[in-house]
Amino acid sequence: MTAALPLAGKVAIVTGAGKNIGRTIALALAEDGADIVVNGRSDTALLDAVASEIEGMGRRALPVTADVSKEEQVKDLVAKTVDQFGGIDIVVSNAGLRRQTPLIDMDYAEWREIMSVALDGAFLLARHAVPEMIKRGGGRFVGLSGVSHHAGVANRVHVNASKAGLEGLIHGMAGELGQYGITANAVAPGAIDTARGASAGAMPAALGLDGIPLGRLGLPEEIAAAVRYLVGPGGGYVTGQTLHVNGGKVVS
């Protein structure tokens, strides 16, 4: 391992890696020397494109389609990673869904849909990847949280609950897994300049520029930089934390 390639020899799984923040994280970790498993639920063309970019850097890449809310698919994702690369050092649980629905209009199916990806998916990834990290003598787990539940954004109680639960999971993992040399942290992005899917709706007014002291949207590269820090050599003594990257919208 060299200073120029701090993640050389490491293997990372990045979920939701076909576009936006996930893609940027996958490329950033590859730039630091890691081989990357590029995961998404269904967008195979996007996954293949990101994998090609990574291979163009001289790294190994494996695109794997898997729904992280389904345990058998997560087990298969982990098994394919180990079979292809020999182990797992880093997991970035980035996959998530966003909806905007008032509480009184929200049905249980929509609630469960949101919870099953950001929270259940992170649990399933941890449950099946952590034993492989232990075999490697340690590892790094990062979950992508958000600003909404810290700011109390309306019409997102399911999103808020999923991300609050994710942070609780992360904090508990930190206390439990430190003995194995595994760190667990969350990165909580604020309003980021990305292409929003149709189901996510427009950015809530509560997250608008007027409420951001720095007066601008964040960039995916700024979220990737936070992840790079947490999984790199400089983040080795950081665990059980939520790192806010939100332009001052919420002050921790």
C-alpha atoms as a PDB file:
ATOM      1  CA  MET A   1       0.000   0.000   0.000  1.00  0.00           C
ATOM      2  CA  THR A   2       1.341   3.412  -0.937  1.00  0.00           C
ATOM      3  CA  ALA A   3       0.332   6.945  -0.074  1.00  0.00           C
ATOM      4  CA  ALA A   4      -0.796   7.413  -3.674  1.00  0.00           C
ATOM      5  CA  LEU A   5      -3.065   4.370  -3.514  1.00  0.00           C
ATOM      6  CA  PRO A   6      -4.263   4.104   0.087  1.00  0.00           C
ATOM      7  CA  LEU A   7      -6.830   1.403  -0.732  1.00  0.00           C
ATOM      8  CA  ALA A   8      -4.611  -0.791  -2.907  1.00  0.00           C
ATOM      9  CA  GLY A   9      -5.487  -4.435  -2.361  1.00  0.00           C
ATOM     10  CA  LYS A  10      -8.850  -3.629  -0.774  1.00  0.00           C
ATOM     11  CA  VAL A  11     -12.205  -4.888  -2.019  1.00  0.00           C
ATOM     12  CA  ALA A  12     -15.283  -2.661  -1.692  1.00  0.00           C
ATOM     13  CA  ILE A  13     -18.976  -3.259  -2.280  1.00  0.00           C
ATOM     14  CA  VAL A  14     -20.909  -0.086  -3.130  1.00  0.00           C
ATOM     15  CA  THR A  15     -24.681  -0.429  -3.364  1.00  0.00           C
ATOM     16  CA  GLY A  16     -26.812   1.890  -5.466  1.00  0.00           C
ATOM     17  CA  ALA A  17     -23.673   2.533  -7.509  1.00  0.00           C
ATOM     18  CA  GLY A  18     -25.151   3.029 -10.964  1.00  0.00           C
ATOM     19  CA  LYS A  19     -25.545   6.797 -10.729  1.00  0.00           C
ATOM     20  CA  ASN A  20     -25.318   9.938  -8.625  1.00  0.00           C
ATOM     21  CA  ILE A  21     -23.687   9.624  -5.192  1.00  0.00           C
ATOM     22  CA  GLY A  22     -23.174   5.862  -5.384  1.00  0.00           C
ATOM     23  CA  ARG A  23     -21.399   6.059  -8.735  1.00  0.00           C
ATOM     24  CA  THR A  24     -19.203   8.884  -7.501  1.00  0.00           C
ATOM     25  CA  ILE A  25     -18.251   6.909  -4.380  1.00  0.00           C
ATOM     26  CA  ALA A  26     -17.431   3.805  -6.418  1.00  0.00           C
ATOM     27  CA  LEU A  27     -15.174   5.794  -8.752  1.00  0.00           C
ATOM     28  CA  ALA A  28     -13.497   7.603  -5.856  1.00  0.00           C
ATOM     29  CA  LEU A  29     -12.637   4.366  -4.048  1.00  0.00           C
ATOM     30  CA  ALA A  30     -11.313   2.933  -7.303  1.00  0.00           C
ATOM     31  CA  GLU A  31      -9.121   6.019  -7.702  1.00  0.00           C
ATOM     32  CA  ASP A  32      -7.704   5.198  -4.275  1.00  0.00           C
ATOM     33  CA  GLY A  33      -6.802   1.696  -5.444  1.00  0.00           C
ATOM     34  CA  ALA A  34      -9.748  -0.494  -4.409  1.00  0.00           C
ATOM     35  CA  ASP A  35     -11.398  -3.138  -6.546  1.00  0.00           C
ATOM     36  CA  ILE A  36     -15.126  -2.451  -6.664  1.00  0.00           C
ATOM     37  CA  VAL A  37     -18.312  -4.489  -6.718  1.00  0.00           C
ATOM     38  CA  VAL A  38     -20.806  -2.181  -8.427  1.00  0.00           C
ATOM     39  CA  ASN A  39     -24.292  -3.018  -7.186  1.00  0.00           C
ATOM     40  CA  GLY A  40     -27.724  -1.864  -8.250  1.00  0.00           C
ATOM     41  CA  ARG A  41     -31.220  -3.301  -8.185  1.00  0.00           C
ATOM     42  CA  SER A  42     -32.034  -3.405 -11.891  1.00  0.00           C
ATOM     43  CA  ASP A  43     -30.103  -0.855 -13.967  1.00  0.00           C
ATOM     44  CA  THR A  44     -27.646  -3.287 -15.563  1.00  0.00           C
ATOM     45  CA  ALA A  45     -26.551  -0.907 -18.321  1.00  0.00           C
ATOM     46  CA  LEU A  46     -25.596   1.741 -15.775  1.00  0.00           C
ATOM     47  CA  LEU A  47     -23.755  -0.805 -13.625  1.00  0.00           C
ATOM     48  CA  ASP A  48     -21.814  -2.068 -16.632  1.00  0.00           C
ATOM     49  CA  ALA A  49     -20.879   1.498 -17.572  1.00  0.00           C
ATOM     50  CA  VAL A  50     -19.547   2.268 -14.099  1.00  0.00           C
ATOM     51  CA  ALA A  51     -17.628  -1.014 -14.048  1.00  0.00           C
ATOM     52  CA  SER A  52     -16.052  -0.094 -17.385  1.00  0.00           C
ATOM     53  CA  GLU A  53     -14.955   3.268 -15.991  1.00  0.00           C
ATOM     54  CA  ILE A  54     -13.343   1.519 -13.040  1.00  0.00           C
ATOM     55  CA  GLU A  55     -11.556  -0.984 -15.250  1.00  0.00           C
ATOM     56  CA  GLY A  56     -10.305   1.960 -17.292  1.00  0.00           C
ATOM     57  CA  MET A  57      -8.454   3.096 -14.172  1.00  0.00           C
ATOM     58  CA  GLY A  58      -6.679  -0.245 -14.001  1.00  0.00           C
ATOM     59  CA  ARG A  59      -8.836  -1.626 -11.188  1.00  0.00           C
ATOM     60  CA  ARG A  60     -10.976  -4.724 -11.149  1.00  0.00           C
ATOM     61  CA  ALA A  61     -14.745  -4.257 -11.176  1.00  0.00           C
ATOM     62  CA  LEU A  62     -17.693  -6.608 -10.866  1.00  0.00           C
ATOM     63  CA  PRO A  63     -21.218  -5.384 -11.667  1.00  0.00           C
ATOM     64  CA  VAL A  64     -23.811  -7.343  -9.660  1.00  0.00           C
ATOM     65  CA  THR A  65     -27.540  -6.843  -9.901  1.00  0.00           C
ATOM     66  CA  ALA A  66     -29.153  -7.510  -6.518  1.00  0.00           C
ATOM     67  CA  ASP A  67     -32.018  -6.109  -4.464  1.00  0.00           C
ATOM     68  CA  VAL A  68     -30.536  -5.413  -1.030  1.00  0.00           C
ATOM     69  CA  SER A  69     -33.938  -5.797   0.606  1.00  0.00           C
ATOM     70  CA  LYS A  70     -33.925  -9.513  -0.337  1.00  0.00           C
ATOM     71  CA  GLU A  71     -31.726 -11.686   1.867  1.00  0.00           C
ATOM     72  CA  GLU A  72     -31.014 -14.387  -0.714  1.00  0.00           C
ATOM     73  CA  GLN A  73     -29.890 -11.751  -3.202  1.00  0.00           C
ATOM     74  CA  VAL A  74     -27.606 -10.139  -0.619  1.00  0.00           C
ATOM     75  CA  LYS A  75     -26.107 -13.526   0.206  1.00  0.00           C
ATOM     76  CA  ASP A  76     -25.497 -14.051  -3.510  1.00  0.00           C
ATOM     77  CA  LEU A  77     -23.922 -10.587  -3.807  1.00  0.00           C
ATOM     78  CA  VAL A  78     -21.509 -11.374  -0.981  1.00  0.00           C
ATOM     79  CA  ALA A  79     -20.738 -14.842  -2.352  1.00  0.00           C
ATOM     80  CA  LYS A  80     -19.970 -13.470  -5.824  1.00  0.00           C
ATOM     81  CA  THR A  81     -17.683 -10.836  -4.291  1.00  0.00           C
ATOM     82  CA  VAL A  82     -15.727 -13.401  -2.300  1.00  0.00           C
ATOM     83  CA  ASP A  83     -15.548 -15.795  -5.239  1.00  0.00           C
ATOM     84  CA  GLN A  84     -14.275 -13.097  -7.601  1.00  0.00           C
ATOM     85  CA  PHE A  85     -11.998 -11.094  -5.305  1.00  0.00           C
ATOM     86  CA  GLY A  86     -11.245 -13.350  -2.332  1.00  0.00           C
ATOM     87  CA  GLY A  87     -12.848 -11.290   0.418  1.00  0.00           C
ATOM     88  CA  ILE A  88     -14.455  -8.035   1.509  1.00  0.00           C
ATOM     89  CA  ASP A  89     -12.816  -5.054   3.229  1.00  0.00           C
ATOM     90  CA  ILE A  90     -15.289  -2.206   2.697  1.00  0.00           C
ATOM     91  CA  VAL A  91     -19.065  -1.966   2.388  1.00  0.00           C
ATOM     92  CA  VAL A  92     -20.808   1.278   1.464  1.00  0.00           C
ATOM     93  CA  SER A  93     -24.549   0.887   2.004  1.00  0.00           C
ATOM     94  CA  ASN A  94     -25.791   3.652  -0.264  1.00  0.00           C
ATOM     95  CA  ALA A  95     -28.950   2.156  -1.793  1.00  0.00           C
ATOM     96  CA  GLY A  96     -32.118   3.928  -0.741  1.00  0.00           C
ATOM     97  CA  LEU A  97     -35.515   5.083  -1.924  1.00  0.00           C
ATOM     98  CA  ARG A  98     -37.174   8.461  -1.479  1.00  0.00           C
ATOM     99  CA  ARG A  99     -40.856   9.281  -1.535  1.00  0.00           C
ATOM    100  CA  GLN A 100     -42.834  12.333  -0.460  1.00  0.00           C
ATOM    101  CA  THR A 101     -46.180  11.412   1.038  1.00  0.00           C
ATOM    102  CA  PRO A 102     -48.052  12.947   3.982  1.00  0.00           C
ATOM    103  CA  LEU A 103     -48.360  10.615   6.954  1.00  0.00           C
ATOM    104  CA  ILE A 104     -52.157  10.494   6.777  1.00  0.00           C
ATOM    105  CA  ASP A 105     -52.002   9.447   3.110  1.00  0.00           C
ATOM    106  CA  MET A 106     -49.234   6.870   3.507  1.00  0.00           C
ATOM    107  CA  ASP A 107     -50.118   3.209   3.375  1.00  0.00           C
ATOM    108  CA  TYR A 108     -48.158   0.449   5.065  1.00  0.00           C
ATOM    109  CA  ALA A 109     -46.870  -0.928   1.755  1.00  0.00           C
ATOM    110  CA  GLU A 110     -45.113   2.366   0.981  1.00  0.00           C
ATOM    111  CA  TRP A 111     -43.733   2.526   4.538  1.00  0.00           C
ATOM    112  CA  ARG A 112     -42.291  -0.984   4.216  1.00  0.00           C
ATOM    113  CA  GLU A 113     -40.912  -0.295   0.727  1.00  0.00           C
ATOM    114  CA  ILE A 114     -38.799   2.578   2.031  1.00  0.00           C
ATOM    115  CA  MET A 115     -37.726   0.834   5.223  1.00  0.00           C
ATOM    116  CA  SER A 116     -36.773  -2.372   3.427  1.00  0.00           C
ATOM    117  CA  VAL A 117     -34.002  -0.777   1.377  1.00  0.00           C
ATOM    118  CA  ALA A 118     -32.211   1.798   3.556  1.00  0.00           C
ATOM    119  CA  LEU A 119     -32.579  -0.035   6.881  1.00  0.00           C
ATOM    120  CA  ASP A 120     -33.244  -3.719   6.183  1.00  0.00           C
ATOM    121  CA  GLY A 121     -30.761  -3.619   3.303  1.00  0.00           C
ATOM    122  CA  ALA A 122     -28.013  -2.206   5.502  1.00  0.00           C
ATOM    123  CA  PHE A 123     -28.667  -4.885   8.117  1.00  0.00           C
ATOM    124  CA  LEU A 124     -28.547  -7.667   5.535  1.00  0.00           C
ATOM    125  CA  LEU A 125     -25.327  -6.329   4.050  1.00  0.00           C
ATOM    126  CA  ALA A 126     -23.739  -6.124   7.479  1.00  0.00           C
ATOM    127  CA  ARG A 127     -25.003  -9.528   8.555  1.00  0.00           C
ATOM    128  CA  HIS A 128     -23.482 -11.292   5.550  1.00  0.00           C
ATOM    129  CA  ALA A 129     -20.415  -9.133   4.810  1.00  0.00           C
ATOM    130  CA  VAL A 130     -19.099  -8.711   8.361  1.00  0.00           C
ATOM    131  CA  PRO A 131     -18.050 -12.373   8.730  1.00  0.00           C
ATOM    132  CA  GLU A 132     -15.936 -11.920   5.595  1.00  0.00           C
ATOM    133  CA  MET A 133     -14.388  -8.761   7.066  1.00  0.00           C
ATOM    134  CA  ILE A 134     -13.540 -10.662  10.224  1.00  0.00           C
ATOM    135  CA  LYS A 135     -11.677 -13.225   8.102  1.00  0.00           C
ATOM    136  CA  ARG A 136      -9.620 -10.359   6.650  1.00  0.00           C
ATOM    137  CA  GLY A 137      -8.730  -9.015  10.091  1.00  0.00           C
ATOM    138  CA  GLY A 138     -10.959  -5.933   9.952  1.00  0.00           C
ATOM    139  CA  GLY A 139     -12.974  -3.697   7.684  1.00  0.00           C
ATOM    140  CA  ARG A 140     -14.998  -0.539   7.193  1.00  0.00           C
ATOM    141  CA  PHE A 141     -18.782  -0.211   6.961  1.00  0.00           C
ATOM    142  CA  VAL A 142     -20.337   3.094   5.903  1.00  0.00           C
ATOM    143  CA  GLY A 143     -24.063   3.766   5.670  1.00  0.00           C
ATOM    144  CA  LEU A 144     -25.462   6.723   3.728  1.00  0.00           C
ATOM    145  CA  SER A 145     -27.961   8.504   5.955  1.00  0.00           C
ATOM    146  CA  GLY A 146     -29.429  11.951   5.282  1.00  0.00           C
ATOM    147  CA  VAL A 147     -30.391  15.331   6.633  1.00  0.00           C
ATOM    148  CA  SER A 148     -34.190  14.940   6.568  1.00  0.00           C
ATOM    149  CA  HIS A 149     -34.662  13.215   9.907  1.00  0.00           C
ATOM    150  CA  HIS A 150     -32.242  15.603  11.613  1.00  0.00           C
ATOM    151  CA  ALA A 151     -34.179  18.586  10.222  1.00  0.00           C
ATOM    152  CA  GLY A 152     -37.652  17.056  10.681  1.00  0.00           C
ATOM    153  CA  VAL A 153     -38.627  17.409   7.029  1.00  0.00           C
ATOM    154  CA  ALA A 154     -42.354  16.869   6.445  1.00  0.00           C
ATOM    155  CA  ASN A 155     -43.942  14.264   4.163  1.00  0.00           C
ATOM    156  CA  ARG A 156     -40.998  11.924   4.680  1.00  0.00           C
ATOM    157  CA  VAL A 157     -41.696  10.086   7.912  1.00  0.00           C
ATOM    158  CA  HIS A 158     -40.758   6.768   6.300  1.00  0.00           C
ATOM    159  CA  VAL A 159     -37.512   8.119   4.870  1.00  0.00           C
ATOM    160  CA  ASN A 160     -36.750   9.814   8.176  1.00  0.00           C
ATOM    161  CA  ALA A 161     -37.406   6.640  10.154  1.00  0.00           C
ATOM    162  CA  SER A 162     -35.306   4.494   7.810  1.00  0.00           C
ATOM    163  CA  LYS A 163     -32.307   6.803   8.092  1.00  0.00           C
ATOM    164  CA  ALA A 164     -32.650   7.275  11.853  1.00  0.00           C
ATOM    165  CA  GLY A 165     -32.788   3.497  12.171  1.00  0.00           C
ATOM    166  CA  LEU A 166     -29.741   3.181   9.926  1.00  0.00           C
ATOM    167  CA  GLU A 167     -27.760   5.449  12.231  1.00  0.00           C
ATOM    168  CA  GLY A 168     -28.876   3.394  15.222  1.00  0.00           C
ATOM    169  CA  LEU A 169     -27.729   0.241  13.466  1.00  0.00           C
ATOM    170  CA  ILE A 170     -24.376   1.843  12.667  1.00  0.00           C
ATOM    171  CA  HIS A 171     -23.827   3.030  16.225  1.00  0.00           C
ATOM    172  CA  GLY A 172     -24.632  -0.401  17.620  1.00  0.00           C
ATOM    173  CA  MET A 173     -22.323  -2.072  15.106  1.00  0.00           C
ATOM    174  CA  ALA A 174     -19.473   0.193  16.175  1.00  0.00           C
ATOM    175  CA  GLY A 175     -19.727  -0.948  19.781  1.00  0.00           C
ATOM    176  CA  GLU A 176     -20.056  -4.590  18.832  1.00  0.00           C
ATOM    177  CA  LEU A 177     -17.538  -4.927  16.010  1.00  0.00           C
ATOM    178  CA  GLY A 178     -14.620  -2.838  17.219  1.00  0.00           C
ATOM    179  CA  GLN A 179     -13.115  -5.968  18.772  1.00  0.00           C
ATOM    180  CA  TYR A 180     -12.674  -7.333  15.244  1.00  0.00           C
ATOM    181  CA  GLY A 181     -11.023  -4.199  13.878  1.00  0.00           C
ATOM    182  CA  ILE A 182     -14.170  -3.151  12.042  1.00  0.00           C
ATOM    183  CA  THR A 183     -15.334   0.458  12.047  1.00  0.00           C
ATOM    184  CA  ALA A 184     -18.909   1.510  11.337  1.00  0.00           C
ATOM    185  CA  ASN A 185     -19.953   5.055  10.494  1.00  0.00           C
ATOM    186  CA  ALA A 186     -22.679   7.003   8.724  1.00  0.00           C
ATOM    187  CA  VAL A 187     -22.400   9.886   6.289  1.00  0.00           C
ATOM    188  CA  ALA A 188     -25.438  12.178   6.264  1.00  0.00           C
ATOM    189  CA  PRO A 189     -25.655  14.225   3.050  1.00  0.00           C
ATOM    190  CA  GLY A 190     -27.684  17.392   2.896  1.00  0.00           C
ATOM    191  CA  ALA A 191     -29.201  18.749  -0.321  1.00  0.00           C
ATOM    192  CA  ILE A 192     -26.952  17.415  -3.086  1.00  0.00           C
ATOM    193  CA  ASP A 193     -26.899  18.426  -6.748  1.00  0.00           C
ATOM    194  CA  THR A 194     -27.920  15.125  -8.342  1.00  0.00           C
ATOM    195  CA  ALA A 195     -30.473  13.941 -10.883  1.00  0.00           C
ATOM    196  CA  ARG A 196     -33.595  13.088  -8.896  1.00  0.00           C
ATOM    197  CA  GLY A 197     -35.719  10.144  -9.932  1.00  0.00           C
ATOM    198  CA  ALA A 198     -39.379  10.765 -10.718  1.00  0.00           C
ATOM    199  CA  SER A 199     -40.542   8.872  -7.633  1.00  0.00           C
ATOM    200  CA  ALA A 200     -38.446  11.104  -5.365  1.00  0.00           C
ATOM    201  CA  GLY A 201     -40.367  14.211  -6.404  1.00  0.00           C
ATOM    202  CA  ALA A 202     -39.026  17.737  -6.282  1.00  0.00           C
ATOM    203  CA  MET A 203     -36.557  18.660  -3.567  1.00  0.00           C
ATOM    204  CA  PRO A 204     -38.534  19.645  -0.443  1.00  0.00           C
ATOM    205  CA  ALA A 205     -38.675  23.376   0.192  1.00  0.00           C
ATOM    206  CA  ALA A 206     -37.347  22.728   3.700  1.00  0.00           C
ATOM    207  CA  LEU A 207     -34.044  21.685   2.124  1.00  0.00           C
ATOM    208  CA  GLY A 208     -33.835  24.721  -0.157  1.00  0.00           C
ATOM    209  CA  LEU A 209     -30.926  27.120  -0.438  1.00  0.00           C
ATOM    210  CA  ASP A 210     -32.451  29.646   1.968  1.00  0.00           C
ATOM    211  CA  GLY A 211     -31.858  27.254   4.848  1.00  0.00           C
ATOM    212  CA  ILE A 212     -28.272  26.350   3.939  1.00  0.00           C
ATOM    213  CA  PRO A 213     -25.681  28.696   5.467  1.00  0.00           C
ATOM    214  CA  LEU A 214     -23.168  28.000   2.688  1.00  0.00           C
ATOM    215  CA  GLY A 215     -25.822  29.020   0.155  1.00  0.00           C
ATOM    216  CA  ARG A 216     -25.395  26.206  -2.337  1.00  0.00           C
ATOM    217  CA  LEU A 217     -26.141  22.568  -3.014  1.00  0.00           C
ATOM    218  CA  GLY A 218     -23.508  20.016  -2.178  1.00  0.00           C
ATOM    219  CA  LEU A 219     -21.691  17.950  -4.795  1.00  0.00           C
ATOM    220  CA  PRO A 220     -21.567  14.150  -5.022  1.00  0.00           C
ATOM    221  CA  GLU A 221     -17.778  14.438  -4.899  1.00  0.00           C
ATOM    222  CA  GLU A 222     -18.046  16.034  -1.450  1.00  0.00           C
ATOM    223  CA  ILE A 223     -19.997  13.046  -0.165  1.00  0.00           C
ATOM    224  CA  ALA A 224     -17.477  10.688  -1.752  1.00  0.00           C
ATOM    225  CA  ALA A 225     -14.675  12.594  -0.020  1.00  0.00           C
ATOM    226  CA  ALA A 226     -16.275  11.912   3.362  1.00  0.00           C
ATOM    227  CA  VAL A 227     -16.545   8.212   2.561  1.00  0.00           C
ATOM    228  CA  ARG A 228     -12.939   8.139   1.345  1.00  0.00           C
ATOM    229  CA  TYR A 229     -11.836   9.560   4.665  1.00  0.00           C
ATOM    230  CA  LEU A 230     -13.795   7.037   6.722  1.00  0.00           C
ATOM    231  CA  VAL A 231     -12.592   3.989   4.771  1.00  0.00           C
ATOM    232  CA  GLY A 232      -9.037   5.212   4.285  1.00  0.00           C
ATOM    233  CA  PRO A 233      -6.024   5.109   6.607  1.00  0.00           C
ATOM    234  CA  GLY A 234      -6.897   8.462   8.209  1.00  0.00           C
ATOM    235  CA  GLY A 235     -10.281   7.205   9.405  1.00  0.00           C
ATOM    236  CA  GLY A 236      -9.046   4.187  11.290  1.00  0.00           C
ATOM    237  CA  TYR A 237      -9.840   5.596  14.753  1.00  0.00           C
ATOM    238  CA  VAL A 238     -13.272   6.916  13.823  1.00  0.00           C
ATOM    239  CA  THR A 239     -16.240   4.665  14.550  1.00  0.00           C
ATOM    240  CA  GLY A 240     -19.835   5.018  15.666  1.00  0.00           C
ATOM    241  CA  GLN A 241     -20.105   8.501  14.178  1.00  0.00           C
ATOM    242  CA  THR A 242     -22.461  10.332  11.842  1.00  0.00           C
ATOM    243  CA  LEU A 243     -20.513  12.701   9.622  1.00  0.00           C
ATOM    244  CA  HIS A 244     -22.789  15.522   8.438  1.00  0.00           C
ATOM    245  CA  VAL A 245     -22.071  16.985   4.998  1.00  0.00           C
ATOM    246  CA  ASN A 246     -24.887  19.494   4.578  1.00  0.00           C
ATOM    247  CA  GLY A 247     -23.496  23.014   4.234  1.00  0.00           C
ATOM    248  CA  GLY A 248     -24.533  23.881   7.786  1.00  0.00           C
ATOM    249  CA  LYS A 249     -28.236  23.023   7.348  1.00  0.00           C
ATOM    250  CA  VAL A 250     -27.991  20.943  10.532  1.00  0.00           C
ATOM    251  CA  VAL A 251     -25.245  21.630  13.051  1.00  0.00           C
ATOM    252  CA  SER A 252     -24.201  18.521  14.960  1.00  0.00           C
END
